[in-house]
Amino acid sequence: MSTEANGDGSTSYQSTITRTDEGDWWVTRDEETGVTSQGKARTEALENLDEAVAGYHGEGKEPTDDDLRELGIDPDANVSVESLPEEFE
């Protein structure tokens, strides 16, 4: 499947879409980046892929403290570091 530009400045991309053997999920993959997503409906899978590809390209927003709490994360304990610990380098 190939997505089309909407004339709104968004970029188009090549993707493949398949259905799992069980038939419960649609799986989409952006052929350029390798980003994969899924959804219970074809349109949901494509919408999720759009969001995942945008995130891959650095788009998106920083989560708010309320967003983190909603996900069960304590914002005060959520620490970002500039570099990886030695064991991960």
C-alpha atoms as a PDB file:
ATOM      1  CA  MET A   1       0.000   0.000   0.000  1.00  0.00           C
ATOM      2  CA  SER A   2       1.204   3.507  -0.692  1.00  0.00           C
ATOM      3  CA  THR A   3      -0.029   6.497   1.252  1.00  0.00           C
ATOM      4  CA  GLU A   4      -0.790   9.702  -0.588  1.00  0.00           C
ATOM      5  CA  ALA A   5       0.078  13.259   0.364  1.00  0.00           C
ATOM      6  CA  ASN A   6      -2.960  15.192   1.524  1.00  0.00           C
ATOM      7  CA  GLY A   7      -1.829  18.575   0.248  1.00  0.00           C
ATOM      8  CA  ASP A   8      -1.355  19.706   3.851  1.00  0.00           C
ATOM      9  CA  GLY A   9       2.430  19.526   3.825  1.00  0.00           C
ATOM     10  CA  SER A  10       2.595  16.025   5.245  1.00  0.00           C
ATOM     11  CA  THR A  11       4.928  13.597   3.566  1.00  0.00           C
ATOM     12  CA  SER A  12       3.757  10.411   1.967  1.00  0.00           C
ATOM     13  CA  TYR A  13       5.419   7.078   2.565  1.00  0.00           C
ATOM     14  CA  GLN A  14       5.363   3.518   1.339  1.00  0.00           C
ATOM     15  CA  SER A  15       3.879   0.994   3.737  1.00  0.00           C
ATOM     16  CA  THR A  16       2.730  -2.581   3.759  1.00  0.00           C
ATOM     17  CA  ILE A  17      -0.318  -3.750   5.661  1.00  0.00           C
ATOM     18  CA  THR A  18      -1.157  -7.321   6.572  1.00  0.00           C
ATOM     19  CA  ARG A  19      -3.546  -9.121   8.838  1.00  0.00           C
ATOM     20  CA  THR A  20      -2.312 -11.567  11.449  1.00  0.00           C
ATOM     21  CA  ASP A  21      -2.996 -15.262  11.034  1.00  0.00           C
ATOM     22  CA  GLU A  22      -5.586 -15.098  13.785  1.00  0.00           C
ATOM     23  CA  GLY A  23      -7.348 -12.255  11.973  1.00  0.00           C
ATOM     24  CA  ASP A  24      -7.554 -10.115  15.119  1.00  0.00           C
ATOM     25  CA  TRP A  25      -4.963  -7.470  14.274  1.00  0.00           C
ATOM     26  CA  TRP A  26      -3.847  -5.445  11.284  1.00  0.00           C
ATOM     27  CA  VAL A  27      -0.090  -4.893  11.184  1.00  0.00           C
ATOM     28  CA  THR A  28       1.461  -2.016   9.225  1.00  0.00           C
ATOM     29  CA  ARG A  29       5.111  -1.397   8.418  1.00  0.00           C
ATOM     30  CA  ASP A  30       6.722   1.708   6.968  1.00  0.00           C
ATOM     31  CA  GLU A  31       9.083   0.383   4.310  1.00  0.00           C
ATOM     32  CA  GLU A  32      11.539   3.296   4.542  1.00  0.00           C
ATOM     33  CA  THR A  33      12.089   3.379   8.312  1.00  0.00           C
ATOM     34  CA  GLY A  34      11.104  -0.152   9.314  1.00  0.00           C
ATOM     35  CA  VAL A  35       8.695   1.277  11.914  1.00  0.00           C
ATOM     36  CA  THR A  36       5.852  -1.157  12.594  1.00  0.00           C
ATOM     37  CA  SER A  37       2.490  -0.614  14.275  1.00  0.00           C
ATOM     38  CA  GLN A  38      -0.825  -2.392  14.674  1.00  0.00           C
ATOM     39  CA  GLY A  39      -4.516  -1.879  15.261  1.00  0.00           C
ATOM     40  CA  LYS A  40      -7.705  -3.900  15.536  1.00  0.00           C
ATOM     41  CA  ALA A  41      -9.052  -2.156  12.432  1.00  0.00           C
ATOM     42  CA  ARG A  42      -7.179  -1.304   9.228  1.00  0.00           C
ATOM     43  CA  THR A  43      -7.715   2.429   9.727  1.00  0.00           C
ATOM     44  CA  GLU A  44      -6.553   2.228  13.349  1.00  0.00           C
ATOM     45  CA  ALA A  45      -3.366   0.449  12.265  1.00  0.00           C
ATOM     46  CA  LEU A  46      -2.644   3.147   9.681  1.00  0.00           C
ATOM     47  CA  GLU A  47      -3.351   5.962  12.149  1.00  0.00           C
ATOM     48  CA  ASN A  48      -1.043   4.304  14.693  1.00  0.00           C
ATOM     49  CA  LEU A  49       1.637   3.951  12.009  1.00  0.00           C
ATOM     50  CA  ASP A  50       1.355   7.662  11.161  1.00  0.00           C
ATOM     51  CA  GLU A  51       1.912   8.510  14.828  1.00  0.00           C
ATOM     52  CA  ALA A  52       4.802   6.044  15.183  1.00  0.00           C
ATOM     53  CA  VAL A  53       6.573   7.332  12.045  1.00  0.00           C
ATOM     54  CA  ALA A  54       6.155  10.919  13.253  1.00  0.00           C
ATOM     55  CA  GLY A  55       7.744   9.903  16.559  1.00  0.00           C
ATOM     56  CA  TYR A  56      10.577   8.211  14.694  1.00  0.00           C
ATOM     57  CA  HIS A  57      11.263  11.498  12.934  1.00  0.00           C
ATOM     58  CA  GLY A  58      11.320  13.401  16.250  1.00  0.00           C
ATOM     59  CA  GLU A  59       7.854  14.877  16.152  1.00  0.00           C
ATOM     60  CA  GLY A  60       5.586  14.775  19.146  1.00  0.00           C
ATOM     61  CA  LYS A  61       5.404  16.476  22.479  1.00  0.00           C
ATOM     62  CA  GLU A  62       6.975  16.112  25.889  1.00  0.00           C
ATOM     63  CA  PRO A  63       4.525  14.362  28.231  1.00  0.00           C
ATOM     64  CA  THR A  64       3.035  16.511  30.963  1.00  0.00           C
ATOM     65  CA  ASP A  65       3.100  15.478  34.624  1.00  0.00           C
ATOM     66  CA  ASP A  66      -0.596  14.585  34.280  1.00  0.00           C
ATOM     67  CA  ASP A  67       0.202  12.390  31.250  1.00  0.00           C
ATOM     68  CA  LEU A  68       2.840  10.553  33.276  1.00  0.00           C
ATOM     69  CA  ARG A  69       0.529  10.077  36.269  1.00  0.00           C
ATOM     70  CA  GLU A  70      -2.162   8.685  33.972  1.00  0.00           C
ATOM     71  CA  LEU A  71       0.367   6.055  32.857  1.00  0.00           C
ATOM     72  CA  GLY A  72       1.257   5.214  36.455  1.00  0.00           C
ATOM     73  CA  ILE A  73       4.599   7.058  36.413  1.00  0.00           C
ATOM     74  CA  ASP A  74       5.598   9.322  39.281  1.00  0.00           C
ATOM     75  CA  PRO A  75       6.803  12.557  37.583  1.00  0.00           C
ATOM     76  CA  ASP A  76       9.166  13.306  40.480  1.00  0.00           C
ATOM     77  CA  ALA A  77      10.882   9.924  40.009  1.00  0.00           C
ATOM     78  CA  ASN A  78      11.058  10.231  36.207  1.00  0.00           C
ATOM     79  CA  VAL A  79      14.652  11.229  35.478  1.00  0.00           C
ATOM     80  CA  SER A  80      16.236  11.716  32.085  1.00  0.00           C
ATOM     81  CA  VAL A  81      20.001  11.446  31.775  1.00  0.00           C
ATOM     82  CA  GLU A  82      22.374  13.012  29.318  1.00  0.00           C
ATOM     83  CA  SER A  83      24.339   9.802  28.703  1.00  0.00           C
ATOM     84  CA  LEU A  84      23.889   6.097  29.176  1.00  0.00           C
ATOM     85  CA  PRO A  85      25.364   4.362  32.212  1.00  0.00           C
ATOM     86  CA  GLU A  86      28.704   2.659  31.487  1.00  0.00           C
ATOM     87  CA  GLU A  87      27.148  -0.819  31.356  1.00  0.00           C
ATOM     88  CA  PHE A  88      25.053   0.240  28.337  1.00  0.00           C
ATOM     89  CA  GLU A  89      27.848   1.837  26.325  1.00  0.00           C
END
